[in-house]
Structure formats: C-alpha cells, structure tokens
Amino acid sequence: MINDQIHDLVASQVDLAIHITSSPLEDHVATRVCDIHWGLFCTPEYLAQAAVLIRSPADLKLARLITPLNQSHRLELRQGGEVTQVQCDPFIQSGDYQFLFNAAMEGLGVALLPRYAVQHALQRGQLVQVLETHQVKGVGSALYIVRAPNRQPSAATLALIDLLVSAIAQMAPSWSVPLPA
C-alpha cells in the first residue's frame, strides 16, 4: 500500500512501512537506510514559457510551485554556508507524490520532489533541475524502514527488511548528485 498518512502501523494493520522523514517515530523500530536528496524540477517547456527565469531562490516567488502536502509555505535552500528562505504560495499541493510528479511532467510548474522520484525523467531530459547548486529542504532527510515495536517480526518480515535495505542501499548513490561547494 502506498500512503503518505500511515503513522500508526498497528492500527493500520501494517507490518512495516518505508518512511521518508527527518525524525522517525520514537515508539517504533526504525532502520535508517539512506539519505534523501530533494530538488526543484520542471519540464524544459515550462522553463521556456515561464514568466521569469529561475536564477535565484527569490525567483521562485513567481513560479507555479508544486509541493508535498506536509511542506510548509516556506522553502529553505542552502548554498554553501548560506541559507535562504522563500515564502511561497503553492499552485498545487498533494500527499500523493505520483500526482506531484505527473503534474511536473505535464508542465504545470516547478515541483519539490525527492531526487529518486525524478531520476529517470532527468536522465531522459524530460525534467530539468532548477537552482541545481542549492540544496532544498524537503519533508524528510532520510529513508527509514519502520516496524511496530510490540510485535515480534516474522522471519518473512525480517527477510523483506533485509532485502529492502540491500536493494535501496545499492540504488541510493544514484539518487544524489555532488553539488558545487
């Protein structure tokens, strides 16, 4: 099941979940798997027809922003040691990341998404990253596999956790891009 709103695994009858967060729930068993890198992405066509070129964080105020539901109305961008916060009014917000990705692919605006979600579209030139020298704070900085603490996991659940950790750890290096200092 893909659901951005599952927080109580026991009540939801879920054995384990993959969460992207900066602070996993303390009353669950969380295995940190990898860092998650966020960015701002849009189609080349959106950039070509945009009212303003996006060359600085301040230019985002004039862009149609597509953001996750849990994202505040303030984007935080870091370049080197300098942090810039931009007040924004998102054009589209949703807890459904596939919907956000599709909105970006349709040229509806600049989407704040985790890099793993757009990796293939970037490689094919369908999306481009704007302000690529900036690190953008998303709704979570790491990927965790989470399970309820009061349940003894089955051998199958433990095997699935091991498989997920191994598979994700192999893919994760391609999800980040070295940024200029």
N, C-alpha and C. Protein backbone atom coordinates (compact mmCIF):
# COMPACT_ATOMS: atom_id res chain seq x y z
N MET A 1 0.85 -1.17 0.00
CA MET A 1 0.00 0.00 0.00
C MET A 1 0.90 1.24 0.00
N ILE A 2 0.58 2.21 -0.83
CA ILE A 2 1.30 3.49 -0.84
C ILE A 2 0.39 4.51 -0.20
N ASN A 3 0.84 5.05 0.95
CA ASN A 3 0.02 6.00 1.68
C ASN A 3 0.93 6.88 2.51
N ASP A 4 0.85 8.18 2.29
CA ASP A 4 1.69 9.14 2.98
C ASP A 4 1.18 9.45 4.38
N GLN A 5 0.04 8.88 4.76
CA GLN A 5 -0.61 9.26 6.01
C GLN A 5 -0.63 8.15 7.06
N ILE A 6 0.06 7.04 6.85
CA ILE A 6 0.08 5.97 7.85
C ILE A 6 1.13 6.30 8.91
N HIS A 7 0.66 6.49 10.13
CA HIS A 7 1.58 6.79 11.23
C HIS A 7 1.49 5.74 12.33
N ASP A 8 0.35 5.09 12.48
CA ASP A 8 0.17 4.05 13.49
C ASP A 8 0.09 2.72 12.76
N LEU A 9 1.22 2.00 12.74
CA LEU A 9 1.28 0.75 11.99
C LEU A 9 0.35 -0.31 12.54
N VAL A 10 0.23 -0.38 13.87
CA VAL A 10 -0.63 -1.39 14.49
C VAL A 10 -2.08 -1.15 14.11
N ALA A 11 -2.57 0.07 14.29
CA ALA A 11 -3.96 0.39 13.97
C ALA A 11 -4.24 0.22 12.48
N SER A 12 -3.23 0.47 11.66
CA SER A 12 -3.40 0.34 10.21
C SER A 12 -3.19 -1.10 9.73
N GLN A 13 -2.82 -1.99 10.65
CA GLN A 13 -2.55 -3.40 10.34
C GLN A 13 -1.47 -3.54 9.27
N VAL A 14 -0.40 -2.80 9.47
CA VAL A 14 0.73 -2.82 8.56
C VAL A 14 1.94 -3.36 9.31
N ASP A 15 2.62 -4.34 8.72
CA ASP A 15 3.79 -4.93 9.37
C ASP A 15 5.01 -4.03 9.32
N LEU A 16 5.20 -3.38 8.18
CA LEU A 16 6.32 -2.45 8.07
C LEU A 16 5.98 -1.38 7.06
N ALA A 17 6.72 -0.29 7.16
CA ALA A 17 6.49 0.84 6.27
C ALA A 17 7.83 1.45 5.89
N ILE A 18 7.85 2.09 4.76
CA ILE A 18 9.02 2.86 4.35
C ILE A 18 8.64 4.32 4.53
N HIS A 19 9.36 5.00 5.41
CA HIS A 19 9.06 6.40 5.70
C HIS A 19 10.23 7.28 5.28
N ILE A 20 9.91 8.41 4.71
CA ILE A 20 10.91 9.45 4.47
C ILE A 20 10.62 10.52 5.50
N THR A 21 11.58 10.72 6.39
CA THR A 21 11.38 11.64 7.50
C THR A 21 12.74 12.12 8.00
N SER A 22 12.72 13.16 8.79
CA SER A 22 13.94 13.61 9.46
C SER A 22 14.01 13.06 10.87
N SER A 23 12.86 12.67 11.40
CA SER A 23 12.83 12.12 12.76
C SER A 23 11.77 11.02 12.84
N PRO A 24 12.21 9.76 12.79
CA PRO A 24 11.24 8.66 12.85
C PRO A 24 10.53 8.62 14.20
N LEU A 25 9.35 8.05 14.20
CA LEU A 25 8.59 7.94 15.44
C LEU A 25 9.39 7.17 16.48
N GLU A 26 9.44 7.70 17.69
CA GLU A 26 10.25 7.08 18.74
C GLU A 26 9.65 5.79 19.26
N ASP A 27 8.34 5.60 19.08
CA ASP A 27 7.72 4.39 19.61
C ASP A 27 7.65 3.27 18.57
N HIS A 28 8.47 3.36 17.52
CA HIS A 28 8.57 2.32 16.51
C HIS A 28 10.04 1.93 16.35
N VAL A 29 10.28 0.78 15.74
CA VAL A 29 11.63 0.35 15.44
C VAL A 29 11.94 0.85 14.03
N ALA A 30 12.94 1.72 13.92
CA ALA A 30 13.27 2.33 12.63
C ALA A 30 14.70 1.99 12.23
N THR A 31 14.85 1.51 11.01
CA THR A 31 16.16 1.21 10.45
C THR A 31 16.46 2.26 9.38
N ARG A 32 17.49 3.07 9.63
CA ARG A 32 17.86 4.11 8.67
C ARG A 32 18.56 3.45 7.49
N VAL A 33 18.10 3.77 6.28
CA VAL A 33 18.63 3.12 5.08
C VAL A 33 19.54 4.05 4.29
N CYS A 34 19.10 5.29 4.05
CA CYS A 34 19.91 6.20 3.25
C CYS A 34 19.40 7.63 3.39
N ASP A 35 20.22 8.57 2.91
CA ASP A 35 19.81 9.97 2.84
C ASP A 35 18.85 10.15 1.66
N ILE A 36 17.99 11.14 1.78
CA ILE A 36 17.10 11.52 0.68
C ILE A 36 17.44 12.95 0.28
N HIS A 37 17.70 13.14 -0.99
CA HIS A 37 18.04 14.46 -1.52
C HIS A 37 16.86 15.00 -2.31
N TRP A 38 16.50 16.23 -2.03
CA TRP A 38 15.37 16.89 -2.67
C TRP A 38 15.86 17.91 -3.68
N GLY A 39 15.00 18.25 -4.60
CA GLY A 39 15.33 19.28 -5.57
C GLY A 39 14.07 19.89 -6.15
N LEU A 40 14.27 20.89 -6.97
CA LEU A 40 13.17 21.57 -7.66
C LEU A 40 13.28 21.23 -9.14
N PHE A 41 12.20 20.65 -9.69
CA PHE A 41 12.24 20.09 -11.03
C PHE A 41 11.06 20.57 -11.86
N CYS A 42 11.30 20.76 -13.16
CA CYS A 42 10.22 21.12 -14.08
C CYS A 42 10.61 20.66 -15.48
N THR A 43 9.67 20.78 -16.39
CA THR A 43 9.96 20.42 -17.78
C THR A 43 10.74 21.56 -18.45
N PRO A 44 11.53 21.22 -19.46
CA PRO A 44 12.19 22.29 -20.22
C PRO A 44 11.17 23.25 -20.84
N GLU A 45 10.01 22.72 -21.22
CA GLU A 45 8.97 23.55 -21.81
C GLU A 45 8.43 24.56 -20.81
N TYR A 46 8.26 24.13 -19.55
CA TYR A 46 7.79 25.08 -18.53
C TYR A 46 8.80 26.21 -18.38
N LEU A 47 10.08 25.86 -18.32
CA LEU A 47 11.12 26.90 -18.18
C LEU A 47 11.10 27.85 -19.37
N ALA A 48 10.90 27.32 -20.56
CA ALA A 48 10.92 28.15 -21.76
C ALA A 48 9.77 29.16 -21.79
N GLN A 49 8.62 28.79 -21.24
CA GLN A 49 7.46 29.69 -21.27
C GLN A 49 7.24 30.44 -19.96
N ALA A 50 8.06 30.17 -18.94
CA ALA A 50 7.88 30.81 -17.64
C ALA A 50 8.05 32.33 -17.75
N ALA A 51 7.30 33.03 -16.92
CA ALA A 51 7.33 34.50 -16.93
C ALA A 51 8.68 35.04 -16.48
N VAL A 52 9.39 34.27 -15.68
CA VAL A 52 10.68 34.72 -15.16
C VAL A 52 11.66 33.55 -15.19
N LEU A 53 12.91 33.83 -15.51
CA LEU A 53 13.94 32.80 -15.41
C LEU A 53 14.22 32.55 -13.94
N ILE A 54 14.40 31.30 -13.59
CA ILE A 54 14.65 30.97 -12.18
C ILE A 54 16.16 30.86 -12.01
N ARG A 55 16.74 31.98 -11.56
CA ARG A 55 18.19 32.05 -11.37
C ARG A 55 18.58 32.18 -9.91
N SER A 56 17.61 32.57 -9.08
CA SER A 56 17.89 32.72 -7.65
C SER A 56 16.67 32.24 -6.88
N PRO A 57 16.83 31.93 -5.60
CA PRO A 57 15.68 31.49 -4.81
C PRO A 57 14.52 32.49 -4.83
N ALA A 58 14.80 33.78 -4.88
CA ALA A 58 13.74 34.79 -4.90
C ALA A 58 12.84 34.64 -6.13
N ASP A 59 13.39 34.13 -7.22
CA ASP A 59 12.60 33.94 -8.44
C ASP A 59 11.49 32.91 -8.27
N LEU A 60 11.61 32.05 -7.25
CA LEU A 60 10.59 31.03 -7.01
C LEU A 60 9.25 31.64 -6.63
N LYS A 61 9.27 32.87 -6.11
CA LYS A 61 8.01 33.53 -5.73
C LYS A 61 7.08 33.71 -6.92
N LEU A 62 7.65 33.78 -8.12
CA LEU A 62 6.86 33.99 -9.33
C LEU A 62 6.58 32.69 -10.10
N ALA A 63 7.10 31.58 -9.59
CA ALA A 63 6.90 30.29 -10.26
C ALA A 63 5.65 29.61 -9.72
N ARG A 64 5.08 28.73 -10.52
CA ARG A 64 3.98 27.88 -10.05
C ARG A 64 4.62 26.69 -9.34
N LEU A 65 4.54 26.70 -8.02
CA LEU A 65 5.19 25.65 -7.23
C LEU A 65 4.24 24.49 -6.99
N ILE A 66 4.81 23.30 -7.07
CA ILE A 66 4.11 22.04 -6.83
C ILE A 66 4.83 21.40 -5.65
N THR A 67 4.14 21.26 -4.51
CA THR A 67 4.82 20.80 -3.30
C THR A 67 4.05 19.71 -2.58
N PRO A 68 4.77 18.90 -1.78
CA PRO A 68 4.09 17.91 -0.94
C PRO A 68 3.17 18.60 0.07
N LEU A 69 2.17 17.88 0.49
CA LEU A 69 1.17 18.41 1.41
C LEU A 69 1.78 18.86 2.73
N ASN A 70 2.75 18.12 3.24
CA ASN A 70 3.33 18.43 4.54
C ASN A 70 4.42 19.50 4.48
N GLN A 71 4.67 20.04 3.32
CA GLN A 71 5.69 21.08 3.17
C GLN A 71 5.12 22.42 3.63
N SER A 72 5.91 23.14 4.41
CA SER A 72 5.44 24.46 4.86
C SER A 72 5.40 25.41 3.66
N HIS A 73 4.84 26.56 3.86
CA HIS A 73 4.76 27.56 2.79
C HIS A 73 6.04 28.40 2.73
N ARG A 74 7.10 27.82 3.23
CA ARG A 74 8.40 28.49 3.18
C ARG A 74 9.43 27.46 2.72
N LEU A 75 10.03 27.72 1.58
CA LEU A 75 11.09 26.84 1.09
C LEU A 75 12.41 27.28 1.69
N GLU A 76 13.21 26.31 2.08
CA GLU A 76 14.54 26.59 2.61
C GLU A 76 15.57 26.02 1.66
N LEU A 77 16.45 26.89 1.18
CA LEU A 77 17.50 26.49 0.25
C LEU A 77 18.85 26.85 0.84
N ARG A 78 19.82 25.97 0.62
CA ARG A 78 21.17 26.18 1.15
C ARG A 78 22.16 26.12 -0.01
N GLN A 79 23.04 27.11 -0.03
CA GLN A 79 24.14 27.12 -0.99
C GLN A 79 25.39 27.46 -0.22
N GLY A 80 26.30 26.48 -0.16
CA GLY A 80 27.47 26.67 0.69
C GLY A 80 27.01 26.83 2.13
N GLY A 81 27.43 27.87 2.80
CA GLY A 81 27.01 28.11 4.18
C GLY A 81 25.81 29.04 4.29
N GLU A 82 25.30 29.51 3.15
CA GLU A 82 24.22 30.49 3.17
C GLU A 82 22.86 29.80 3.04
N VAL A 83 21.95 30.14 3.96
CA VAL A 83 20.59 29.60 3.93
C VAL A 83 19.64 30.71 3.53
N THR A 84 18.78 30.41 2.56
CA THR A 84 17.77 31.37 2.10
C THR A 84 16.40 30.75 2.29
N GLN A 85 15.49 31.52 2.86
CA GLN A 85 14.11 31.06 2.99
C GLN A 85 13.23 31.90 2.07
N VAL A 86 12.36 31.22 1.34
CA VAL A 86 11.48 31.89 0.39
C VAL A 86 10.04 31.58 0.77
N GLN A 87 9.28 32.62 1.05
CA GLN A 87 7.84 32.44 1.32
C GLN A 87 7.16 32.11 0.00
N CYS A 88 6.33 31.09 -0.01
CA CYS A 88 5.69 30.69 -1.26
C CYS A 88 4.23 30.32 -1.04
N ASP A 89 3.48 30.41 -2.11
CA ASP A 89 2.07 30.02 -2.11
C ASP A 89 1.93 28.95 -3.19
N PRO A 90 1.98 27.66 -2.81
CA PRO A 90 1.98 26.60 -3.81
C PRO A 90 0.77 26.65 -4.74
N PHE A 91 1.03 26.37 -6.00
CA PHE A 91 0.00 26.26 -7.02
C PHE A 91 -0.76 24.94 -6.85
N ILE A 92 -0.01 23.87 -6.53
CA ILE A 92 -0.57 22.54 -6.28
C ILE A 92 0.13 21.97 -5.06
N GLN A 93 -0.66 21.36 -4.15
CA GLN A 93 -0.12 20.61 -3.02
C GLN A 93 -0.86 19.28 -2.94
N SER A 94 -0.13 18.21 -2.64
CA SER A 94 -0.75 16.90 -2.51
C SER A 94 0.14 15.99 -1.69
N GLY A 95 -0.46 15.03 -1.02
CA GLY A 95 0.29 13.99 -0.32
C GLY A 95 0.62 12.82 -1.23
N ASP A 96 0.17 12.87 -2.46
CA ASP A 96 0.38 11.81 -3.44
C ASP A 96 1.56 12.22 -4.34
N TYR A 97 2.72 11.61 -4.11
CA TYR A 97 3.93 12.00 -4.83
C TYR A 97 3.86 11.67 -6.31
N GLN A 98 3.14 10.61 -6.67
CA GLN A 98 2.97 10.29 -8.09
C GLN A 98 2.19 11.41 -8.79
N PHE A 99 1.18 11.94 -8.10
CA PHE A 99 0.41 13.06 -8.65
C PHE A 99 1.31 14.29 -8.84
N LEU A 100 2.16 14.58 -7.85
CA LEU A 100 3.08 15.72 -7.96
C LEU A 100 4.04 15.53 -9.14
N PHE A 101 4.57 14.32 -9.26
CA PHE A 101 5.46 14.01 -10.38
C PHE A 101 4.73 14.20 -11.71
N ASN A 102 3.52 13.67 -11.80
CA ASN A 102 2.74 13.80 -13.04
C ASN A 102 2.46 15.26 -13.37
N ALA A 103 2.16 16.06 -12.34
CA ALA A 103 1.91 17.49 -12.56
C ALA A 103 3.16 18.17 -13.13
N ALA A 104 4.32 17.81 -12.60
CA ALA A 104 5.57 18.37 -13.13
C ALA A 104 5.78 17.92 -14.57
N MET A 105 5.54 16.64 -14.84
CA MET A 105 5.73 16.11 -16.20
C MET A 105 4.78 16.74 -17.21
N GLU A 106 3.63 17.21 -16.74
CA GLU A 106 2.66 17.87 -17.62
C GLU A 106 2.99 19.35 -17.82
N GLY A 107 4.07 19.82 -17.18
CA GLY A 107 4.49 21.21 -17.36
C GLY A 107 3.69 22.21 -16.56
N LEU A 108 3.10 21.74 -15.44
CA LEU A 108 2.25 22.63 -14.64
C LEU A 108 3.02 23.52 -13.68
N GLY A 109 4.33 23.28 -13.50
CA GLY A 109 5.09 24.13 -12.61
C GLY A 109 6.39 23.49 -12.19
N VAL A 110 6.96 24.04 -11.11
CA VAL A 110 8.22 23.59 -10.53
C VAL A 110 7.89 22.75 -9.31
N ALA A 111 8.29 21.49 -9.33
CA ALA A 111 7.93 20.55 -8.26
C ALA A 111 9.08 20.32 -7.30
N LEU A 112 8.76 20.34 -6.01
CA LEU A 112 9.69 19.94 -4.97
C LEU A 112 9.50 18.44 -4.78
N LEU A 113 10.50 17.67 -5.19
CA LEU A 113 10.40 16.21 -5.14
C LEU A 113 11.72 15.60 -4.72
N PRO A 114 11.67 14.39 -4.14
CA PRO A 114 12.92 13.69 -3.87
C PRO A 114 13.56 13.27 -5.19
N ARG A 115 14.86 13.32 -5.23
CA ARG A 115 15.58 13.05 -6.47
C ARG A 115 15.31 11.65 -7.01
N TYR A 116 15.13 10.67 -6.12
CA TYR A 116 14.90 9.31 -6.60
C TYR A 116 13.63 9.24 -7.46
N ALA A 117 12.66 10.11 -7.18
CA ALA A 117 11.38 10.08 -7.90
C ALA A 117 11.49 10.62 -9.32
N VAL A 118 12.52 11.40 -9.58
CA VAL A 118 12.65 12.05 -10.90
C VAL A 118 13.88 11.60 -11.67
N GLN A 119 14.64 10.69 -11.10
CA GLN A 119 15.93 10.29 -11.66
C GLN A 119 15.83 9.90 -13.14
N HIS A 120 14.88 9.04 -13.49
CA HIS A 120 14.79 8.58 -14.88
C HIS A 120 14.33 9.70 -15.82
N ALA A 121 13.41 10.53 -15.36
CA ALA A 121 12.95 11.66 -16.18
C ALA A 121 14.09 12.66 -16.42
N LEU A 122 14.96 12.83 -15.43
CA LEU A 122 16.14 13.70 -15.60
C LEU A 122 17.08 13.11 -16.65
N GLN A 123 17.32 11.81 -16.54
CA GLN A 123 18.24 11.15 -17.48
C GLN A 123 17.73 11.23 -18.92
N ARG A 124 16.41 11.20 -19.10
CA ARG A 124 15.81 11.26 -20.44
C ARG A 124 15.60 12.69 -20.92
N GLY A 125 15.91 13.68 -20.07
CA GLY A 125 15.73 15.07 -20.46
C GLY A 125 14.29 15.56 -20.39
N GLN A 126 13.41 14.76 -19.77
CA GLN A 126 12.00 15.16 -19.65
C GLN A 126 11.81 16.20 -18.56
N LEU A 127 12.68 16.17 -17.56
CA LEU A 127 12.68 17.16 -16.48
C LEU A 127 14.08 17.74 -16.36
N VAL A 128 14.15 18.95 -15.85
CA VAL A 128 15.43 19.59 -15.53
C VAL A 128 15.35 20.08 -14.09
N GLN A 129 16.51 20.20 -13.48
CA GLN A 129 16.55 20.72 -12.12
C GLN A 129 16.83 22.21 -12.18
N VAL A 130 16.05 22.99 -11.43
CA VAL A 130 16.32 24.42 -11.32
C VAL A 130 17.06 24.67 -10.01
N LEU A 131 17.86 25.71 -10.00
CA LEU A 131 18.68 26.06 -8.84
C LEU A 131 19.47 24.83 -8.36
N GLU A 132 20.10 24.15 -9.32
CA GLU A 132 20.78 22.89 -9.02
C GLU A 132 21.97 23.03 -8.09
N THR A 133 22.48 24.24 -7.89
CA THR A 133 23.60 24.42 -6.96
C THR A 133 23.12 24.62 -5.53
N HIS A 134 21.81 24.60 -5.34
CA HIS A 134 21.23 24.76 -4.00
C HIS A 134 20.71 23.42 -3.48
N GLN A 135 20.87 23.20 -2.20
CA GLN A 135 20.24 22.07 -1.54
C GLN A 135 18.90 22.56 -1.02
N VAL A 136 17.84 21.83 -1.33
CA VAL A 136 16.49 22.22 -0.92
C VAL A 136 16.02 21.30 0.19
N LYS A 137 15.49 21.89 1.23
CA LYS A 137 14.96 21.09 2.33
C LYS A 137 13.58 20.58 1.95
N GLY A 138 13.41 19.28 2.00
CA GLY A 138 12.12 18.66 1.72
C GLY A 138 11.43 18.27 3.01
N VAL A 139 10.50 17.33 2.90
CA VAL A 139 9.73 16.94 4.09
C VAL A 139 10.42 15.85 4.90
N GLY A 140 11.56 15.38 4.47
CA GLY A 140 12.32 14.40 5.23
C GLY A 140 13.69 14.22 4.63
N SER A 141 14.68 13.96 5.48
CA SER A 141 16.05 13.90 5.01
C SER A 141 16.62 12.49 4.89
N ALA A 142 15.85 11.49 5.33
CA ALA A 142 16.35 10.11 5.28
C ALA A 142 15.21 9.13 5.06
N LEU A 143 15.56 7.98 4.52
CA LEU A 143 14.59 6.91 4.31
C LEU A 143 14.79 5.87 5.41
N TYR A 144 13.70 5.51 6.05
CA TYR A 144 13.71 4.52 7.13
C TYR A 144 12.74 3.40 6.81
N ILE A 145 13.10 2.19 7.22
CA ILE A 145 12.14 1.09 7.24
C ILE A 145 11.69 0.99 8.68
N VAL A 146 10.38 1.07 8.88
CA VAL A 146 9.81 1.19 10.22
C VAL A 146 8.88 0.01 10.47
N ARG A 147 8.96 -0.52 11.70
CA ARG A 147 8.01 -1.56 12.11
C ARG A 147 7.55 -1.27 13.53
N ALA A 148 6.42 -1.83 13.87
CA ALA A 148 5.87 -1.63 15.21
C ALA A 148 6.77 -2.30 16.25
N PRO A 149 6.95 -1.69 17.42
CA PRO A 149 7.88 -2.22 18.41
C PRO A 149 7.32 -3.41 19.19
N ASN A 150 6.02 -3.49 19.31
CA ASN A 150 5.44 -4.51 20.18
C ASN A 150 5.11 -5.80 19.46
N ARG A 151 5.56 -5.94 18.25
CA ARG A 151 5.32 -7.18 17.51
C ARG A 151 6.66 -7.85 17.22
N GLN A 152 6.70 -9.15 17.44
CA GLN A 152 7.89 -9.91 17.06
C GLN A 152 7.78 -10.16 15.55
N PRO A 153 8.68 -9.59 14.76
CA PRO A 153 8.54 -9.76 13.32
C PRO A 153 8.76 -11.22 12.90
N SER A 154 8.03 -11.63 11.90
CA SER A 154 8.18 -12.98 11.37
C SER A 154 9.49 -13.07 10.60
N ALA A 155 9.91 -14.28 10.33
CA ALA A 155 11.12 -14.48 9.53
C ALA A 155 10.95 -13.86 8.15
N ALA A 156 9.74 -13.93 7.61
CA ALA A 156 9.47 -13.34 6.29
C ALA A 156 9.61 -11.82 6.34
N THR A 157 9.11 -11.20 7.41
CA THR A 157 9.23 -9.74 7.56
C THR A 157 10.69 -9.33 7.67
N LEU A 158 11.45 -10.07 8.47
CA LEU A 158 12.88 -9.76 8.62
C LEU A 158 13.62 -9.94 7.30
N ALA A 159 13.26 -10.98 6.55
CA ALA A 159 13.89 -11.20 5.24
C ALA A 159 13.54 -10.07 4.28
N LEU A 160 12.29 -9.60 4.33
CA LEU A 160 11.88 -8.49 3.47
C LEU A 160 12.64 -7.22 3.84
N ILE A 161 12.80 -6.97 5.14
CA ILE A 161 13.56 -5.80 5.58
C ILE A 161 14.99 -5.87 5.05
N ASP A 162 15.63 -7.03 5.19
CA ASP A 162 17.00 -7.20 4.70
C ASP A 162 17.08 -6.97 3.19
N LEU A 163 16.10 -7.51 2.46
CA LEU A 163 16.07 -7.34 1.01
C LEU A 163 15.90 -5.87 0.63
N LEU A 164 14.98 -5.18 1.30
CA LEU A 164 14.74 -3.76 1.01
C LEU A 164 15.97 -2.91 1.32
N VAL A 165 16.58 -3.15 2.47
CA VAL A 165 17.78 -2.39 2.85
C VAL A 165 18.88 -2.59 1.81
N SER A 166 19.09 -3.83 1.41
CA SER A 166 20.14 -4.13 0.43
C SER A 166 19.83 -3.49 -0.93
N ALA A 167 18.61 -3.64 -1.41
CA ALA A 167 18.24 -3.10 -2.73
C ALA A 167 18.30 -1.58 -2.74
N ILE A 168 17.77 -0.96 -1.70
CA ILE A 168 17.76 0.51 -1.65
C ILE A 168 19.18 1.05 -1.50
N ALA A 169 20.00 0.38 -0.68
CA ALA A 169 21.38 0.83 -0.50
C ALA A 169 22.16 0.78 -1.81
N GLN A 170 21.84 -0.17 -2.68
CA GLN A 170 22.51 -0.25 -3.99
C GLN A 170 22.06 0.88 -4.92
N MET A 171 20.79 1.26 -4.84
CA MET A 171 20.26 2.31 -5.73
C MET A 171 20.56 3.72 -5.24
N ALA A 172 20.63 3.90 -3.94
CA ALA A 172 20.70 5.24 -3.33
C ALA A 172 21.83 6.12 -3.84
N PRO A 173 23.03 5.61 -4.11
CA PRO A 173 24.08 6.51 -4.59
C PRO A 173 23.71 7.26 -5.87
N SER A 174 22.88 6.67 -6.71
CA SER A 174 22.50 7.35 -7.95
C SER A 174 21.44 8.42 -7.71
N TRP A 175 20.90 8.50 -6.51
CA TRP A 175 19.86 9.48 -6.18
C TRP A 175 20.44 10.82 -5.76
N SER A 176 21.74 10.89 -5.59
CA SER A 176 22.33 12.16 -5.16
C SER A 176 23.32 12.62 -6.22
N VAL A 177 23.49 13.90 -6.25
CA VAL A 177 24.41 14.50 -7.20
C VAL A 177 25.36 15.38 -6.40
N PRO A 178 26.66 15.25 -6.61
CA PRO A 178 27.57 16.16 -5.90
C PRO A 178 27.27 17.60 -6.30
N LEU A 179 27.11 18.44 -5.30
CA LEU A 179 26.84 19.85 -5.54
C LEU A 179 28.14 20.64 -5.45
N PRO A 180 28.26 21.69 -6.23
CA PRO A 180 29.45 22.54 -6.12
C PRO A 180 29.55 23.13 -4.71
N ALA A 181 30.77 23.31 -4.24
CA ALA A 181 30.96 23.86 -2.89
C ALA A 181 30.61 25.32 -2.82
